[in-house]
């Protein structure tokens, strides 16, 4: 007798944030049976709970330090994680202590869990994993991560560098380690920063890397251009087209005439140009940059805008991760 069986996947997502690994799996067309999430950030947990709080197959495990891989070994098919980049990224030169830094050392917790699951899995099961972290890490840290993962996955281990700007409106240069077969860079798509705007104009094709912080509405334009960080949207198209030097020359007078003095809470309308020159992206625009559903974070109540921005900045580029996960193949199909 033929019995139809829906094949699905059991997932463990460490440092899960707002569960973009789940979004990526769904976008890749992969059916999820159980989704185990490890996260401790209060704002991220509120966003998770808003979307998945009533789902009995979404299981929150809490602190990664308390996750027991032995207990999960007979269930998990895929482990996804992006351990903290705080001490690895070039954007943080003051505290760039690599994998021995106070936050980035948590990579070793993920490694421990991977080993526990891998060693004690039933012989017939196949364990897949996907790890993401910043491409700007030092070579010594990149090589150490590769060495540690190769001890588990040996010749199956692959390392690929992808800038999310290939298929999203924003740059995000990341390294991906995985044993998913035949991973490759996605084919470029013609989506630009301007395509995701709710109003206003920009002076570049792709947005900058998203950070958990941003520039200010007072003198932030100088930091934006000097350090090439943050993202701003201009009120006037003609101003956006000016050379950088001319923008910086004209801006102080525009700010003065606007009367904006940077008072806390004075810029409540995300789409308004309070300094009469530029604004920061809205939560919807930030979400679109990361190919997160535009209202996924925006609609969550009782989470401050700054915390929503931080949560998005720490998330995955969903379309990139979905592209890599498609290499898993036919999970989610009906088999007889």
C-alpha atoms as a PDB file:
ATOM      1  CA  UNK A   1       0.000   0.000   0.000  1.00  0.00           C
ATOM      2  CA  UNK A   2       1.307   3.436  -0.910  1.00  0.00           C
ATOM      3  CA  UNK A   3       1.198   5.988   1.901  1.00  0.00           C
ATOM      4  CA  UNK A   4       1.662   9.696   1.199  1.00  0.00           C
ATOM      5  CA  UNK A   5       4.126  11.279   3.569  1.00  0.00           C
ATOM      6  CA  UNK A   6       4.958  14.974   3.748  1.00  0.00           C
ATOM      7  CA  UNK A   7       8.691  15.243   4.243  1.00  0.00           C
ATOM      8  CA  UNK A   8       9.793  18.203   6.360  1.00  0.00           C
ATOM      9  CA  UNK A   9      12.865  19.501   8.151  1.00  0.00           C
ATOM     10  CA  UNK A  10      13.726  20.026  11.814  1.00  0.00           C
ATOM     11  CA  UNK A  11      15.808  23.163  12.319  1.00  0.00           C
ATOM     12  CA  UNK A  12      17.956  24.573  15.107  1.00  0.00           C
ATOM     13  CA  UNK A  13      18.663  28.295  14.715  1.00  0.00           C
ATOM     14  CA  UNK A  14      21.251  29.681  17.135  1.00  0.00           C
ATOM     15  CA  UNK A  15      21.486  33.433  17.812  1.00  0.00           C
ATOM     16  CA  UNK A  16      18.133  33.384  16.031  1.00  0.00           C
ATOM     17  CA  UNK A  17      17.270  37.076  16.327  1.00  0.00           C
ATOM     18  CA  UNK A  18      13.960  37.726  14.580  1.00  0.00           C
ATOM     19  CA  UNK A  19      13.938  34.245  12.992  1.00  0.00           C
ATOM     20  CA  UNK A  20      15.060  35.211   9.503  1.00  0.00           C
ATOM     21  CA  UNK A  21      16.323  31.655   9.043  1.00  0.00           C
ATOM     22  CA  UNK A  22      12.686  30.555   9.216  1.00  0.00           C
ATOM     23  CA  UNK A  23      11.692  33.213   6.687  1.00  0.00           C
ATOM     24  CA  UNK A  24      14.496  32.051   4.376  1.00  0.00           C
ATOM     25  CA  UNK A  25      13.473  28.391   4.604  1.00  0.00           C
ATOM     26  CA  UNK A  26       9.878  29.291   3.802  1.00  0.00           C
ATOM     27  CA  UNK A  27      11.013  31.453   0.879  1.00  0.00           C
ATOM     28  CA  UNK A  28      13.130  28.567  -0.393  1.00  0.00           C
ATOM     29  CA  UNK A  29      10.024  26.378  -0.380  1.00  0.00           C
ATOM     30  CA  UNK A  30      11.287  24.035   2.348  1.00  0.00           C
ATOM     31  CA  UNK A  31       8.681  22.672   4.739  1.00  0.00           C
ATOM     32  CA  UNK A  32       9.558  23.044   8.414  1.00  0.00           C
ATOM     33  CA  UNK A  33       8.388  20.471  10.942  1.00  0.00           C
ATOM     34  CA  UNK A  34       9.965  21.884  14.101  1.00  0.00           C
ATOM     35  CA  UNK A  35      11.907  25.109  14.465  1.00  0.00           C
ATOM     36  CA  UNK A  36      14.097  25.378  17.563  1.00  0.00           C
ATOM     37  CA  UNK A  37      15.211  28.941  18.271  1.00  0.00           C
ATOM     38  CA  UNK A  38      17.947  30.078  20.659  1.00  0.00           C
ATOM     39  CA  UNK A  39      17.725  33.796  21.483  1.00  0.00           C
ATOM     40  CA  UNK A  40      17.875  36.067  24.553  1.00  0.00           C
ATOM     41  CA  UNK A  41      17.421  39.628  23.209  1.00  0.00           C
ATOM     42  CA  UNK A  42      14.133  40.954  24.621  1.00  0.00           C
ATOM     43  CA  UNK A  43      13.107  42.938  21.549  1.00  0.00           C
ATOM     44  CA  UNK A  44      13.890  40.077  19.185  1.00  0.00           C
ATOM     45  CA  UNK A  45      11.857  37.747  21.408  1.00  0.00           C
ATOM     46  CA  UNK A  46       8.877  40.131  21.226  1.00  0.00           C
ATOM     47  CA  UNK A  47       9.058  40.088  17.421  1.00  0.00           C
ATOM     48  CA  UNK A  48       9.305  36.290  17.434  1.00  0.00           C
ATOM     49  CA  UNK A  49       6.374  35.961  19.808  1.00  0.00           C
ATOM     50  CA  UNK A  50       4.207  38.295  17.709  1.00  0.00           C
ATOM     51  CA  UNK A  51       4.598  36.031  14.670  1.00  0.00           C
ATOM     52  CA  UNK A  52       5.193  32.572  16.112  1.00  0.00           C
ATOM     53  CA  UNK A  53       3.969  32.645  19.703  1.00  0.00           C
ATOM     54  CA  UNK A  54       0.962  30.444  18.940  1.00  0.00           C
ATOM     55  CA  UNK A  55       2.881  27.908  16.870  1.00  0.00           C
ATOM     56  CA  UNK A  56       3.554  24.744  18.940  1.00  0.00           C
ATOM     57  CA  UNK A  57       6.296  23.748  16.492  1.00  0.00           C
ATOM     58  CA  UNK A  58       8.242  26.964  17.157  1.00  0.00           C
ATOM     59  CA  UNK A  59      10.263  26.173  20.264  1.00  0.00           C
ATOM     60  CA  UNK A  60      12.290  28.838  22.084  1.00  0.00           C
ATOM     61  CA  UNK A  61      15.335  27.390  23.892  1.00  0.00           C
ATOM     62  CA  UNK A  62      16.761  30.600  25.355  1.00  0.00           C
ATOM     63  CA  UNK A  63      20.468  31.153  25.957  1.00  0.00           C
ATOM     64  CA  UNK A  64      22.810  29.341  23.560  1.00  0.00           C
ATOM     65  CA  UNK A  65      25.004  28.430  26.532  1.00  0.00           C
ATOM     66  CA  UNK A  66      22.191  26.259  27.868  1.00  0.00           C
ATOM     67  CA  UNK A  67      21.381  24.434  24.625  1.00  0.00           C
ATOM     68  CA  UNK A  68      22.082  20.704  24.924  1.00  0.00           C
ATOM     69  CA  UNK A  69      22.989  19.245  21.545  1.00  0.00           C
ATOM     70  CA  UNK A  70      22.879  15.698  22.884  1.00  0.00           C
ATOM     71  CA  UNK A  71      19.166  16.060  23.641  1.00  0.00           C
ATOM     72  CA  UNK A  72      18.447  17.336  20.125  1.00  0.00           C
ATOM     73  CA  UNK A  73      20.711  14.980  18.209  1.00  0.00           C
ATOM     74  CA  UNK A  74      18.041  12.521  17.071  1.00  0.00           C
ATOM     75  CA  UNK A  75      15.839  15.312  15.662  1.00  0.00           C
ATOM     76  CA  UNK A  76      17.863  18.077  14.044  1.00  0.00           C
ATOM     77  CA  UNK A  77      18.437  18.071  10.273  1.00  0.00           C
ATOM     78  CA  UNK A  78      19.817  21.602   9.891  1.00  0.00           C
ATOM     79  CA  UNK A  79      21.690  24.014  12.169  1.00  0.00           C
ATOM     80  CA  UNK A  80      21.792  27.691  11.140  1.00  0.00           C
ATOM     81  CA  UNK A  81      23.711  30.379  12.970  1.00  0.00           C
ATOM     82  CA  UNK A  82      25.469  33.709  12.690  1.00  0.00           C
ATOM     83  CA  UNK A  83      27.488  34.028  15.875  1.00  0.00           C
ATOM     84  CA  UNK A  84      28.162  37.584  17.136  1.00  0.00           C
ATOM     85  CA  UNK A  85      30.480  39.615  14.889  1.00  0.00           C
ATOM     86  CA  UNK A  86      31.126  42.334  17.508  1.00  0.00           C
ATOM     87  CA  UNK A  87      34.808  41.507  17.995  1.00  0.00           C
ATOM     88  CA  UNK A  88      35.382  40.364  14.403  1.00  0.00           C
ATOM     89  CA  UNK A  89      34.133  43.274  12.295  1.00  0.00           C
ATOM     90  CA  UNK A  90      36.398  46.030  10.956  1.00  0.00           C
ATOM     91  CA  UNK A  91      33.710  48.530  11.995  1.00  0.00           C
ATOM     92  CA  UNK A  92      34.758  47.938  15.617  1.00  0.00           C
ATOM     93  CA  UNK A  93      38.561  48.544  15.664  1.00  0.00           C
ATOM     94  CA  UNK A  94      38.669  49.430  19.380  1.00  0.00           C
ATOM     95  CA  UNK A  95      37.416  46.028  20.527  1.00  0.00           C
ATOM     96  CA  UNK A  96      38.497  43.832  17.610  1.00  0.00           C
ATOM     97  CA  UNK A  97      39.792  40.901  19.634  1.00  0.00           C
ATOM     98  CA  UNK A  98      38.506  38.291  17.229  1.00  0.00           C
ATOM     99  CA  UNK A  99      37.157  34.961  18.399  1.00  0.00           C
ATOM    100  CA  UNK A 100      38.511  35.573  21.897  1.00  0.00           C
ATOM    101  CA  UNK A 101      36.411  38.728  22.316  1.00  0.00           C
ATOM    102  CA  UNK A 102      33.674  38.806  24.937  1.00  0.00           C
ATOM    103  CA  UNK A 103      30.856  38.305  22.393  1.00  0.00           C
ATOM    104  CA  UNK A 104      32.441  36.648  19.354  1.00  0.00           C
ATOM    105  CA  UNK A 105      33.751  33.863  21.601  1.00  0.00           C
ATOM    106  CA  UNK A 106      30.183  32.527  21.508  1.00  0.00           C
ATOM    107  CA  UNK A 107      31.166  30.891  18.209  1.00  0.00           C
ATOM    108  CA  UNK A 108      32.605  28.127  20.369  1.00  0.00           C
ATOM    109  CA  UNK A 109      29.179  27.504  21.936  1.00  0.00           C
ATOM    110  CA  UNK A 110      27.752  26.968  18.458  1.00  0.00           C
ATOM    111  CA  UNK A 111      30.694  24.693  17.671  1.00  0.00           C
ATOM    112  CA  UNK A 112      30.046  22.692  20.837  1.00  0.00           C
ATOM    113  CA  UNK A 113      26.396  22.225  19.926  1.00  0.00           C
ATOM    114  CA  UNK A 114      27.258  21.209  16.358  1.00  0.00           C
ATOM    115  CA  UNK A 115      29.673  18.580  17.659  1.00  0.00           C
ATOM    116  CA  UNK A 116      27.159  17.239  20.178  1.00  0.00           C
ATOM    117  CA  UNK A 117      24.461  16.869  17.528  1.00  0.00           C
ATOM    118  CA  UNK A 118      26.802  15.449  14.896  1.00  0.00           C
ATOM    119  CA  UNK A 119      28.434  12.828  17.103  1.00  0.00           C
ATOM    120  CA  UNK A 120      25.240  11.502  18.665  1.00  0.00           C
ATOM    121  CA  UNK A 121      22.938  11.600  15.640  1.00  0.00           C
ATOM    122  CA  UNK A 122      21.487   8.326  14.429  1.00  0.00           C
ATOM    123  CA  UNK A 123      23.745   6.837  11.773  1.00  0.00           C
ATOM    124  CA  UNK A 124      21.150   7.131   9.008  1.00  0.00           C
ATOM    125  CA  UNK A 125      20.615  10.892   9.479  1.00  0.00           C
ATOM    126  CA  UNK A 126      22.447  13.634   7.620  1.00  0.00           C
ATOM    127  CA  UNK A 127      23.271  16.856   9.476  1.00  0.00           C
ATOM    128  CA  UNK A 128      23.483  20.058   7.449  1.00  0.00           C
ATOM    129  CA  UNK A 129      24.619  23.443   8.702  1.00  0.00           C
ATOM    130  CA  UNK A 130      24.953  27.036   7.522  1.00  0.00           C
ATOM    131  CA  UNK A 131      27.041  29.661   9.334  1.00  0.00           C
ATOM    132  CA  UNK A 132      27.167  33.379   8.436  1.00  0.00           C
ATOM    133  CA  UNK A 133      29.576  36.078   9.619  1.00  0.00           C
ATOM    134  CA  UNK A 134      31.277  39.270   8.456  1.00  0.00           C
ATOM    135  CA  UNK A 135      33.673  39.143   5.508  1.00  0.00           C
ATOM    136  CA  UNK A 136      35.798  41.863   7.119  1.00  0.00           C
ATOM    137  CA  UNK A 137      37.110  39.574   9.869  1.00  0.00           C
ATOM    138  CA  UNK A 138      40.849  39.021  10.054  1.00  0.00           C
ATOM    139  CA  UNK A 139      42.304  36.103   8.127  1.00  0.00           C
ATOM    140  CA  UNK A 140      43.439  34.434  11.363  1.00  0.00           C
ATOM    141  CA  UNK A 141      39.821  34.294  12.606  1.00  0.00           C
ATOM    142  CA  UNK A 142      38.445  33.170   9.242  1.00  0.00           C
ATOM    143  CA  UNK A 143      41.023  30.382   9.083  1.00  0.00           C
ATOM    144  CA  UNK A 144      40.342  29.324  12.679  1.00  0.00           C
ATOM    145  CA  UNK A 145      36.613  29.019  12.019  1.00  0.00           C
ATOM    146  CA  UNK A 146      37.304  27.026   8.855  1.00  0.00           C
ATOM    147  CA  UNK A 147      39.714  24.720  10.702  1.00  0.00           C
ATOM    148  CA  UNK A 148      37.260  24.036  13.534  1.00  0.00           C
ATOM    149  CA  UNK A 149      34.349  23.305  11.189  1.00  0.00           C
ATOM    150  CA  UNK A 150      36.515  21.123   8.936  1.00  0.00           C
ATOM    151  CA  UNK A 151      37.216  18.855  11.920  1.00  0.00           C
ATOM    152  CA  UNK A 152      33.509  18.011  11.891  1.00  0.00           C
ATOM    153  CA  UNK A 153      32.510  18.122   8.234  1.00  0.00           C
ATOM    154  CA  UNK A 154      35.871  17.398   6.576  1.00  0.00           C
ATOM    155  CA  UNK A 155      35.767  17.549   2.758  1.00  0.00           C
ATOM    156  CA  UNK A 156      32.079  18.513   2.744  1.00  0.00           C
ATOM    157  CA  UNK A 157      32.904  21.974   4.117  1.00  0.00           C
ATOM    158  CA  UNK A 158      32.518  24.896   1.731  1.00  0.00           C
ATOM    159  CA  UNK A 159      33.256  28.589   2.264  1.00  0.00           C
ATOM    160  CA  UNK A 160      31.761  31.260   0.036  1.00  0.00           C
ATOM    161  CA  UNK A 161      31.787  35.062   0.143  1.00  0.00           C
ATOM    162  CA  UNK A 162      28.666  36.908  -0.999  1.00  0.00           C
ATOM    163  CA  UNK A 163      27.754  40.582  -1.048  1.00  0.00           C
ATOM    164  CA  UNK A 164      23.989  40.741  -0.566  1.00  0.00           C
ATOM    165  CA  UNK A 165      23.920  43.686  -3.009  1.00  0.00           C
ATOM    166  CA  UNK A 166      23.879  41.075  -5.787  1.00  0.00           C
ATOM    167  CA  UNK A 167      20.180  40.469  -5.141  1.00  0.00           C
ATOM    168  CA  UNK A 168      19.128  43.051  -2.516  1.00  0.00           C
ATOM    169  CA  UNK A 169      19.139  46.870  -2.377  1.00  0.00           C
ATOM    170  CA  UNK A 170      21.929  47.000   0.250  1.00  0.00           C
ATOM    171  CA  UNK A 171      25.540  45.946   0.585  1.00  0.00           C
ATOM    172  CA  UNK A 172      26.206  43.233   3.139  1.00  0.00           C
ATOM    173  CA  UNK A 173      29.477  41.411   2.612  1.00  0.00           C
ATOM    174  CA  UNK A 174      29.350  38.072   4.371  1.00  0.00           C
ATOM    175  CA  UNK A 175      31.169  34.763   4.607  1.00  0.00           C
ATOM    176  CA  UNK A 176      29.081  31.586   4.605  1.00  0.00           C
ATOM    177  CA  UNK A 177      30.373  28.219   5.780  1.00  0.00           C
ATOM    178  CA  UNK A 178      28.213  25.204   4.946  1.00  0.00           C
ATOM    179  CA  UNK A 179      28.052  21.584   3.872  1.00  0.00           C
ATOM    180  CA  UNK A 180      24.935  22.142   1.754  1.00  0.00           C
ATOM    181  CA  UNK A 181      25.837  20.745  -1.679  1.00  0.00           C
ATOM    182  CA  UNK A 182      26.883  22.941  -4.596  1.00  0.00           C
ATOM    183  CA  UNK A 183      26.402  26.376  -3.069  1.00  0.00           C
ATOM    184  CA  UNK A 184      27.156  29.319  -5.348  1.00  0.00           C
ATOM    185  CA  UNK A 185      26.727  33.079  -5.569  1.00  0.00           C
ATOM    186  CA  UNK A 186      23.280  34.146  -6.754  1.00  0.00           C
ATOM    187  CA  UNK A 187      22.876  35.673 -10.189  1.00  0.00           C
ATOM    188  CA  UNK A 188      22.625  39.493  -9.919  1.00  0.00           C
ATOM    189  CA  UNK A 189      19.218  41.129 -10.066  1.00  0.00           C
ATOM    190  CA  UNK A 190      18.659  44.803 -10.957  1.00  0.00           C
ATOM    191  CA  UNK A 191      17.170  46.008  -7.650  1.00  0.00           C
ATOM    192  CA  UNK A 192      18.417  49.351  -6.322  1.00  0.00           C
ATOM    193  CA  UNK A 193      18.216  51.442  -3.160  1.00  0.00           C
ATOM    194  CA  UNK A 194      15.785  53.841  -4.835  1.00  0.00           C
ATOM    195  CA  UNK A 195      13.373  50.970  -5.546  1.00  0.00           C
ATOM    196  CA  UNK A 196      12.525  50.550  -1.849  1.00  0.00           C
ATOM    197  CA  UNK A 197      11.944  54.199  -0.912  1.00  0.00           C
ATOM    198  CA  UNK A 198       8.623  55.494   0.374  1.00  0.00           C
ATOM    199  CA  UNK A 199       9.598  59.045  -0.642  1.00  0.00           C
ATOM    200  CA  UNK A 200      12.708  61.106  -1.360  1.00  0.00           C
ATOM    201  CA  UNK A 201      15.877  60.518  -3.379  1.00  0.00           C
ATOM    202  CA  UNK A 202      19.286  58.864  -2.945  1.00  0.00           C
ATOM    203  CA  UNK A 203      22.710  59.390  -4.493  1.00  0.00           C
ATOM    204  CA  UNK A 204      23.835  55.764  -4.811  1.00  0.00           C
ATOM    205  CA  UNK A 205      22.615  52.557  -6.410  1.00  0.00           C
ATOM    206  CA  UNK A 206      22.916  50.422  -3.290  1.00  0.00           C
ATOM    207  CA  UNK A 207      22.429  51.291   0.376  1.00  0.00           C
ATOM    208  CA  UNK A 208      25.304  50.926   2.806  1.00  0.00           C
ATOM    209  CA  UNK A 209      25.637  47.956   5.123  1.00  0.00           C
ATOM    210  CA  UNK A 210      22.932  48.156   7.779  1.00  0.00           C
ATOM    211  CA  UNK A 211      24.255  48.835  11.254  1.00  0.00           C
ATOM    212  CA  UNK A 212      22.442  48.715  14.573  1.00  0.00           C
ATOM    213  CA  UNK A 213      23.168  52.450  14.857  1.00  0.00           C
ATOM    214  CA  UNK A 214      22.834  55.218  12.296  1.00  0.00           C
ATOM    215  CA  UNK A 215      23.799  58.829  11.691  1.00  0.00           C
ATOM    216  CA  UNK A 216      21.919  61.771  13.242  1.00  0.00           C
ATOM    217  CA  UNK A 217      19.636  64.324  11.637  1.00  0.00           C
ATOM    218  CA  UNK A 218      21.836  67.204  12.805  1.00  0.00           C
ATOM    219  CA  UNK A 219      25.446  66.707  11.642  1.00  0.00           C
ATOM    220  CA  UNK A 220      25.139  63.075  10.581  1.00  0.00           C
ATOM    221  CA  UNK A 221      25.660  63.893   6.912  1.00  0.00           C
ATOM    222  CA  UNK A 222      29.345  64.550   7.633  1.00  0.00           C
ATOM    223  CA  UNK A 223      29.804  61.187   9.355  1.00  0.00           C
ATOM    224  CA  UNK A 224      27.850  59.502   6.572  1.00  0.00           C
ATOM    225  CA  UNK A 225      30.302  60.659   3.927  1.00  0.00           C
ATOM    226  CA  UNK A 226      33.509  60.654   5.971  1.00  0.00           C
ATOM    227  CA  UNK A 227      33.076  57.097   7.277  1.00  0.00           C
ATOM    228  CA  UNK A 228      30.660  55.830   4.593  1.00  0.00           C
ATOM    229  CA  UNK A 229      28.235  54.480   7.192  1.00  0.00           C
ATOM    230  CA  UNK A 230      24.530  54.819   7.753  1.00  0.00           C
ATOM    231  CA  UNK A 231      21.893  55.487   5.121  1.00  0.00           C
ATOM    232  CA  UNK A 232      20.190  58.779   4.354  1.00  0.00           C
ATOM    233  CA  UNK A 233      17.422  59.813   1.969  1.00  0.00           C
ATOM    234  CA  UNK A 234      17.278  63.345   0.558  1.00  0.00           C
ATOM    235  CA  UNK A 235      14.205  65.541   0.283  1.00  0.00           C
ATOM    236  CA  UNK A 236      15.130  67.128  -3.052  1.00  0.00           C
ATOM    237  CA  UNK A 237      16.338  65.340  -6.156  1.00  0.00           C
ATOM    238  CA  UNK A 238      18.543  68.259  -7.240  1.00  0.00           C
ATOM    239  CA  UNK A 239      20.338  68.244  -3.874  1.00  0.00           C
ATOM    240  CA  UNK A 240      20.861  64.478  -4.089  1.00  0.00           C
ATOM    241  CA  UNK A 241      22.595  64.924  -7.435  1.00  0.00           C
ATOM    242  CA  UNK A 242      25.104  67.472  -6.119  1.00  0.00           C
ATOM    243  CA  UNK A 243      28.747  66.433  -5.584  1.00  0.00           C
ATOM    244  CA  UNK A 244      29.500  65.439  -2.013  1.00  0.00           C
ATOM    245  CA  UNK A 245      31.602  68.536  -1.373  1.00  0.00           C
ATOM    246  CA  UNK A 246      28.733  70.775  -2.432  1.00  0.00           C
ATOM    247  CA  UNK A 247      26.246  68.889  -0.246  1.00  0.00           C
ATOM    248  CA  UNK A 248      28.479  69.365   2.795  1.00  0.00           C
ATOM    249  CA  UNK A 249      28.951  73.043   1.979  1.00  0.00           C
ATOM    250  CA  UNK A 250      25.225  73.803   1.667  1.00  0.00           C
ATOM    251  CA  UNK A 251      23.901  71.603   4.458  1.00  0.00           C
ATOM    252  CA  UNK A 252      24.720  73.743   7.546  1.00  0.00           C
ATOM    253  CA  UNK A 253      22.651  76.650   6.213  1.00  0.00           C
ATOM    254  CA  UNK A 254      19.720  74.342   5.355  1.00  0.00           C
ATOM    255  CA  UNK A 255      19.826  72.856   8.863  1.00  0.00           C
ATOM    256  CA  UNK A 256      19.931  76.295  10.478  1.00  0.00           C
ATOM    257  CA  UNK A 257      16.922  77.546   8.483  1.00  0.00           C
ATOM    258  CA  UNK A 258      14.940  74.403   9.344  1.00  0.00           C
ATOM    259  CA  UNK A 259      15.127  75.145  13.068  1.00  0.00           C
ATOM    260  CA  UNK A 260      15.810  71.463  13.842  1.00  0.00           C
ATOM    261  CA  UNK A 261      18.091  71.114  16.861  1.00  0.00           C
ATOM    262  CA  UNK A 262      18.042  67.370  17.425  1.00  0.00           C
ATOM    263  CA  UNK A 263      15.777  67.218  20.446  1.00  0.00           C
ATOM    264  CA  UNK A 264      14.985  63.706  21.600  1.00  0.00           C
ATOM    265  CA  UNK A 265      11.594  62.561  20.319  1.00  0.00           C
ATOM    266  CA  UNK A 266      11.203  65.521  17.956  1.00  0.00           C
ATOM    267  CA  UNK A 267      11.461  63.415  14.784  1.00  0.00           C
ATOM    268  CA  UNK A 268       8.417  61.207  15.266  1.00  0.00           C
ATOM    269  CA  UNK A 269       7.299  60.950  11.612  1.00  0.00           C
ATOM    270  CA  UNK A 270       9.653  58.510   9.893  1.00  0.00           C
ATOM    271  CA  UNK A 271       8.916  59.911   6.438  1.00  0.00           C
ATOM    272  CA  UNK A 272       9.226  63.613   7.273  1.00  0.00           C
ATOM    273  CA  UNK A 273      12.334  65.691   6.520  1.00  0.00           C
ATOM    274  CA  UNK A 274      12.693  67.402   9.893  1.00  0.00           C
ATOM    275  CA  UNK A 275      15.964  69.108   9.006  1.00  0.00           C
ATOM    276  CA  UNK A 276      14.551  70.063   5.584  1.00  0.00           C
ATOM    277  CA  UNK A 277      17.330  68.128   3.846  1.00  0.00           C
ATOM    278  CA  UNK A 278      17.416  64.399   4.570  1.00  0.00           C
ATOM    279  CA  UNK A 279      15.882  61.658   6.693  1.00  0.00           C
ATOM    280  CA  UNK A 280      16.809  58.166   7.775  1.00  0.00           C
ATOM    281  CA  UNK A 281      15.158  55.080   6.231  1.00  0.00           C
ATOM    282  CA  UNK A 282      11.899  53.913   7.754  1.00  0.00           C
ATOM    283  CA  UNK A 283      11.537  50.495   9.350  1.00  0.00           C
ATOM    284  CA  UNK A 284       9.708  49.317   6.225  1.00  0.00           C
ATOM    285  CA  UNK A 285      12.555  50.555   4.025  1.00  0.00           C
ATOM    286  CA  UNK A 286      15.157  48.890   6.237  1.00  0.00           C
ATOM    287  CA  UNK A 287      13.166  45.655   6.014  1.00  0.00           C
ATOM    288  CA  UNK A 288      13.015  45.879   2.231  1.00  0.00           C
ATOM    289  CA  UNK A 289      16.791  46.375   2.103  1.00  0.00           C
ATOM    290  CA  UNK A 290      17.197  43.060   3.923  1.00  0.00           C
ATOM    291  CA  UNK A 291      14.400  41.396   1.882  1.00  0.00           C
ATOM    292  CA  UNK A 292      12.475  40.860   5.113  1.00  0.00           C
ATOM    293  CA  UNK A 293       8.687  41.186   4.600  1.00  0.00           C
ATOM    294  CA  UNK A 294       8.089  44.924   4.890  1.00  0.00           C
ATOM    295  CA  UNK A 295       5.622  44.772   7.799  1.00  0.00           C
ATOM    296  CA  UNK A 296       7.240  41.848   9.637  1.00  0.00           C
ATOM    297  CA  UNK A 297       9.015  44.176  12.072  1.00  0.00           C
ATOM    298  CA  UNK A 298       7.030  47.370  11.509  1.00  0.00           C
ATOM    299  CA  UNK A 299       3.732  45.987  12.797  1.00  0.00           C
ATOM    300  CA  UNK A 300       5.049  44.571  16.078  1.00  0.00           C
ATOM    301  CA  UNK A 301       3.728  46.602  19.047  1.00  0.00           C
ATOM    302  CA  UNK A 302       5.631  47.611  22.183  1.00  0.00           C
ATOM    303  CA  UNK A 303       9.070  47.570  20.548  1.00  0.00           C
ATOM    304  CA  UNK A 304      10.874  50.898  20.175  1.00  0.00           C
ATOM    305  CA  UNK A 305      11.945  52.026  16.715  1.00  0.00           C
ATOM    306  CA  UNK A 306      15.610  51.957  17.725  1.00  0.00           C
ATOM    307  CA  UNK A 307      15.236  48.340  18.835  1.00  0.00           C
ATOM    308  CA  UNK A 308      13.464  47.422  15.595  1.00  0.00           C
ATOM    309  CA  UNK A 309      16.303  49.021  13.649  1.00  0.00           C
ATOM    310  CA  UNK A 310      18.862  47.078  15.697  1.00  0.00           C
ATOM    311  CA  UNK A 311      16.991  43.809  15.167  1.00  0.00           C
ATOM    312  CA  UNK A 312      16.946  44.319  11.397  1.00  0.00           C
ATOM    313  CA  UNK A 313      20.619  45.311  11.371  1.00  0.00           C
ATOM    314  CA  UNK A 314      21.545  42.033  13.075  1.00  0.00           C
ATOM    315  CA  UNK A 315      19.376  39.893  10.794  1.00  0.00           C
ATOM    316  CA  UNK A 316      20.204  37.858   7.693  1.00  0.00           C
ATOM    317  CA  UNK A 317      19.629  39.051   4.137  1.00  0.00           C
ATOM    318  CA  UNK A 318      16.708  36.678   3.677  1.00  0.00           C
ATOM    319  CA  UNK A 319      16.953  36.222  -0.094  1.00  0.00           C
ATOM    320  CA  UNK A 320      20.661  35.342   0.109  1.00  0.00           C
ATOM    321  CA  UNK A 321      20.145  32.707   2.802  1.00  0.00           C
ATOM    322  CA  UNK A 322      17.119  31.344   0.908  1.00  0.00           C
ATOM    323  CA  UNK A 323      19.320  30.998  -2.194  1.00  0.00           C
ATOM    324  CA  UNK A 324      21.870  28.938  -0.263  1.00  0.00           C
ATOM    325  CA  UNK A 325      19.236  26.800   1.460  1.00  0.00           C
ATOM    326  CA  UNK A 326      17.698  25.775  -1.857  1.00  0.00           C
ATOM    327  CA  UNK A 327      20.664  23.434  -2.192  1.00  0.00           C
ATOM    328  CA  UNK A 328      18.977  21.209   0.380  1.00  0.00           C
ATOM    329  CA  UNK A 329      16.704  19.962  -2.383  1.00  0.00           C
ATOM    330  CA  UNK A 330      13.287  18.358  -2.040  1.00  0.00           C
ATOM    331  CA  UNK A 331      12.347  18.663   1.600  1.00  0.00           C
ATOM    332  CA  UNK A 332       8.690  19.598   1.684  1.00  0.00           C
ATOM    333  CA  UNK A 333       7.624  17.529  -1.331  1.00  0.00           C
ATOM    334  CA  UNK A 334       5.035  14.753  -1.176  1.00  0.00           C
ATOM    335  CA  UNK A 335       6.628  11.321  -1.445  1.00  0.00           C
ATOM    336  CA  UNK A 336       4.923   7.978  -1.958  1.00  0.00           C
END
